[in-house]
Amino acid sequence: MIREWKIKVGIILKFAVIVWLALNSTNGWALDLDTVLEKVKVVPPASVGFREVRHNPLFDEPMTLTGHLEYIEAGQLRKVVETPFREAFLIDKDHIEVERNGNIQKIALNKNKFLKAMLGGIEAILAGQAEQLSSIFSYELAGTSNSWVLKLEPLSRSASRQLTGLTVTGDEHSVNSIRFDLREGEWHLMEIIHSYSEPE
């Protein structure tokens, strides 16, 4: 049960960060965190597709998932897995809804101070607030506006027990991929599909 909850927390954090990282495009700009966040901040509503490869050393083959990400409004984020199974996560201000196999589980954010702090940082990213982001993650930004890499590491000890870091790559037009490095050799690599159209 504890491991299952840790897995859920990791997935929830991932999709929320990805929503910000994936949804906007830019022109040429100077490479500093304030400018990057200002240029890629998201104006809701917005949606993109994704293809995610999950590697776990305990399994022989990686798992590939596809679906879409939504930034509905300030404080409201959603990730929908479409293949190879159906699953959805919704962050709605002060709670999280996890939908799986027709069942919906609600989790209050005030019962998890770690998760609440992390989501506060994600909301700061969505709003383009570099100061708030740097209070939650240490960061390293390298490259040029045509090809840049942003590395983030959680400052919280409790967060670093689950997530060792994430690496975001992009160009002057968009974010191209996000890699999440977890403990014990596990990693998830997500490619962003900007031409995605939601199924009818």
Protein backbone atom coordinates (compact mmCIF):
# COMPACT_ATOMS: atom_id res chain seq x y z
CA MET A 1 0.00 0.00 0.00
CA ILE A 2 2.83 2.43 0.90
CA ARG A 3 4.69 1.69 -2.35
CA GLU A 4 1.46 2.07 -4.34
CA TRP A 5 0.90 5.53 -2.79
CA LYS A 6 4.49 6.55 -3.56
CA ILE A 7 3.99 5.51 -7.17
CA LYS A 8 0.76 7.56 -7.37
CA VAL A 9 2.47 10.64 -5.89
CA GLY A 10 5.31 10.34 -8.39
CA ILE A 11 2.92 10.06 -11.33
CA ILE A 12 0.82 13.00 -10.12
CA LEU A 13 3.87 15.23 -9.72
CA LYS A 14 5.15 14.23 -13.11
CA PHE A 15 2.06 15.01 -15.08
CA ALA A 16 1.59 18.37 -13.39
CA VAL A 17 5.12 19.48 -14.18
CA ILE A 18 4.78 18.17 -17.73
CA VAL A 19 1.66 20.26 -18.36
CA TRP A 20 3.68 23.44 -17.81
CA LEU A 21 6.77 22.23 -19.66
CA ALA A 22 4.87 21.11 -22.74
CA LEU A 23 2.19 23.60 -23.62
CA ASN A 24 3.72 26.75 -25.14
CA SER A 25 6.03 27.95 -27.92
CA THR A 26 8.58 30.77 -28.06
CA ASN A 27 10.74 32.90 -30.33
CA GLY A 28 14.47 33.54 -29.75
CA TRP A 29 15.30 34.75 -26.22
CA ALA A 30 18.18 35.15 -23.77
CA LEU A 31 18.90 32.01 -21.76
CA ASP A 32 18.12 32.70 -18.10
CA LEU A 33 15.47 31.16 -15.88
CA ASP A 34 13.31 34.28 -15.57
CA THR A 35 13.15 34.69 -19.34
CA VAL A 36 12.56 30.99 -19.97
CA LEU A 37 9.63 30.88 -17.54
CA GLU A 38 8.21 34.12 -18.88
CA LYS A 39 8.33 32.80 -22.45
CA VAL A 40 6.94 29.32 -21.73
CA LYS A 41 4.33 30.18 -19.13
CA VAL A 42 0.95 28.77 -20.04
CA VAL A 43 -2.34 30.56 -20.65
CA PRO A 44 -5.19 28.10 -20.04
CA PRO A 45 -7.03 26.31 -21.46
CA ALA A 46 -4.37 24.32 -23.34
CA SER A 47 -3.73 20.70 -24.31
CA VAL A 48 -0.93 18.56 -25.83
CA GLY A 49 -0.36 14.88 -26.51
CA PHE A 50 2.42 12.71 -25.11
CA ARG A 51 4.29 9.45 -25.62
CA GLU A 52 5.89 8.18 -22.43
CA VAL A 53 8.41 5.36 -21.98
CA ARG A 54 8.73 3.99 -18.44
CA HIS A 55 11.80 1.94 -17.51
CA ASN A 56 11.89 -0.15 -14.34
CA PRO A 57 14.86 -2.45 -13.64
CA LEU A 58 12.46 -5.04 -12.20
CA PHE A 59 10.92 -5.63 -15.64
CA ASP A 60 12.49 -6.99 -18.83
CA GLU A 61 10.86 -4.48 -21.18
CA PRO A 62 9.91 -0.81 -20.78
CA MET A 63 6.26 0.23 -20.92
CA THR A 64 5.06 2.78 -23.49
CA LEU A 65 2.02 4.96 -22.77
CA THR A 66 0.21 7.54 -24.89
CA GLY A 67 -2.39 10.14 -24.00
CA HIS A 68 -2.84 13.87 -23.46
CA LEU A 69 -2.21 16.60 -20.90
CA GLU A 70 -4.52 19.50 -20.05
CA TYR A 71 -4.06 22.79 -18.23
CA ILE A 72 -7.72 23.60 -17.67
CA GLU A 73 -7.42 26.74 -15.56
CA ALA A 74 -5.24 28.13 -12.78
CA GLY A 75 -4.90 25.40 -10.15
CA GLN A 76 -6.55 22.72 -12.31
CA LEU A 77 -4.39 20.20 -14.21
CA ARG A 78 -5.27 16.87 -15.83
CA LYS A 79 -3.39 13.90 -17.33
CA VAL A 80 -5.23 11.25 -19.34
CA VAL A 81 -3.59 7.94 -20.29
CA GLU A 82 -5.29 6.48 -23.39
CA THR A 83 -3.11 3.44 -24.21
CA PRO A 84 -2.34 0.70 -23.24
CA PHE A 85 -4.93 1.29 -20.48
CA ARG A 86 -7.26 4.08 -19.39
CA GLU A 87 -6.34 6.24 -16.40
CA ALA A 88 -6.76 9.90 -15.40
CA PHE A 89 -5.35 12.25 -12.77
CA LEU A 90 -6.95 15.59 -11.92
CA ILE A 91 -5.43 18.20 -9.63
CA ASP A 92 -8.19 20.59 -8.66
CA LYS A 93 -6.89 23.28 -6.30
CA ASP A 94 -6.99 21.60 -2.85
CA HIS A 95 -7.48 17.94 -3.84
CA ILE A 96 -6.50 15.26 -6.34
CA GLU A 97 -8.80 12.82 -8.13
CA VAL A 98 -7.41 9.52 -9.44
CA GLU A 99 -9.70 7.67 -11.89
CA ARG A 100 -8.94 4.04 -12.68
CA ASN A 101 -11.17 1.14 -13.77
CA GLY A 102 -14.27 3.28 -13.32
CA ASN A 103 -13.38 4.14 -9.72
CA ILE A 104 -12.50 7.64 -8.50
CA GLN A 105 -10.34 8.24 -5.45
CA LYS A 106 -10.09 11.73 -3.91
CA ILE A 107 -7.04 12.82 -1.93
CA ALA A 108 -6.94 16.06 0.08
CA LEU A 109 -3.72 18.03 -0.47
CA ASN A 110 -3.67 19.35 3.10
CA LYS A 111 -3.04 15.77 4.27
CA ASN A 112 0.28 15.69 2.42
CA LYS A 113 2.49 18.72 3.08
CA PHE A 114 5.18 17.44 0.69
CA LEU A 115 2.77 17.10 -2.21
CA LYS A 116 1.16 20.45 -1.43
CA ALA A 117 4.54 22.21 -1.52
CA MET A 118 5.52 20.52 -4.79
CA LEU A 119 2.27 21.46 -6.47
CA GLY A 120 2.74 25.02 -5.26
CA GLY A 121 6.01 25.05 -7.16
CA ILE A 122 4.34 23.68 -10.28
CA GLU A 123 1.71 26.39 -10.08
CA ALA A 124 4.55 28.94 -9.86
CA ILE A 125 6.01 27.49 -13.08
CA LEU A 126 2.67 27.75 -14.84
CA ALA A 127 2.46 31.39 -13.78
CA GLY A 128 6.09 32.10 -14.80
CA GLN A 129 7.33 32.77 -11.25
CA ALA A 130 11.04 31.91 -11.22
CA GLU A 131 11.59 32.98 -7.61
CA GLN A 132 8.95 30.55 -6.32
CA LEU A 133 10.34 27.72 -8.46
CA SER A 134 13.89 28.22 -7.19
CA SER A 135 12.62 27.97 -3.61
CA ILE A 136 11.57 24.36 -4.31
CA PHE A 137 14.12 23.12 -6.90
CA SER A 138 17.79 23.75 -7.48
CA TYR A 139 18.35 24.20 -11.19
CA GLU A 140 20.93 24.28 -13.95
CA LEU A 141 20.11 25.85 -17.32
CA ALA A 142 22.46 25.34 -20.27
CA GLY A 143 22.58 25.69 -24.06
CA THR A 144 21.01 28.29 -26.33
CA SER A 145 17.48 29.30 -27.22
CA ASN A 146 17.70 26.88 -30.16
CA SER A 147 18.72 23.93 -27.98
CA TRP A 148 18.50 24.21 -24.19
CA VAL A 149 18.51 21.85 -21.21
CA LEU A 150 16.96 22.57 -17.82
CA LYS A 151 17.93 20.27 -14.95
CA LEU A 152 15.89 20.40 -11.74
CA GLU A 153 16.56 18.72 -8.40
CA PRO A 154 14.15 18.88 -5.45
CA LEU A 155 15.42 20.76 -2.41
CA SER A 156 13.08 18.85 -0.09
CA ARG A 157 14.57 15.72 1.46
CA SER A 158 11.21 13.97 1.39
CA ALA A 159 10.83 14.76 -2.31
CA SER A 160 14.35 13.56 -3.12
CA ARG A 161 13.51 10.17 -1.60
CA GLN A 162 11.25 9.58 -4.61
CA LEU A 163 12.56 11.88 -7.34
CA THR A 164 16.30 12.40 -7.86
CA GLY A 165 15.79 14.92 -10.63
CA LEU A 166 14.29 15.74 -13.99
CA THR A 167 15.79 16.93 -17.26
CA VAL A 168 13.88 19.05 -19.76
CA THR A 169 15.04 19.65 -23.33
CA GLY A 170 13.66 22.19 -25.78
CA ASP A 171 14.30 24.65 -28.58
CA GLU A 172 13.12 28.16 -29.39
CA HIS A 173 9.67 26.85 -30.31
CA SER A 174 8.77 24.30 -27.63
CA VAL A 175 9.69 21.76 -25.00
CA ASN A 176 10.59 18.48 -26.70
CA SER A 177 11.07 15.97 -23.90
CA ILE A 178 11.08 15.54 -20.12
CA ARG A 179 12.96 12.80 -18.32
CA PHE A 180 12.22 11.88 -14.69
CA ASP A 181 14.93 10.01 -12.79
CA LEU A 182 13.61 8.07 -9.81
CA ARG A 183 15.29 5.98 -7.15
CA GLU A 184 16.76 2.52 -7.80
CA GLY A 185 17.47 3.07 -11.50
CA GLU A 186 13.91 3.78 -12.60
CA TRP A 187 13.27 6.52 -15.17
CA HIS A 188 10.40 7.87 -17.29
CA LEU A 189 10.97 9.70 -20.59
CA MET A 190 8.12 11.69 -22.08
CA GLU A 191 8.07 13.07 -25.62
CA ILE A 192 5.64 15.91 -26.30
CA ILE A 193 3.31 15.74 -29.31
CA HIS A 194 2.27 19.30 -30.16
CA SER A 195 0.13 18.25 -33.15
CA TYR A 196 -2.11 16.09 -30.94
CA SER A 197 -5.89 16.05 -31.49
CA GLU A 198 -8.15 14.64 -28.78
CA PRO A 199 -10.16 11.55 -29.81
CA GLU A 200 -13.86 12.17 -30.33
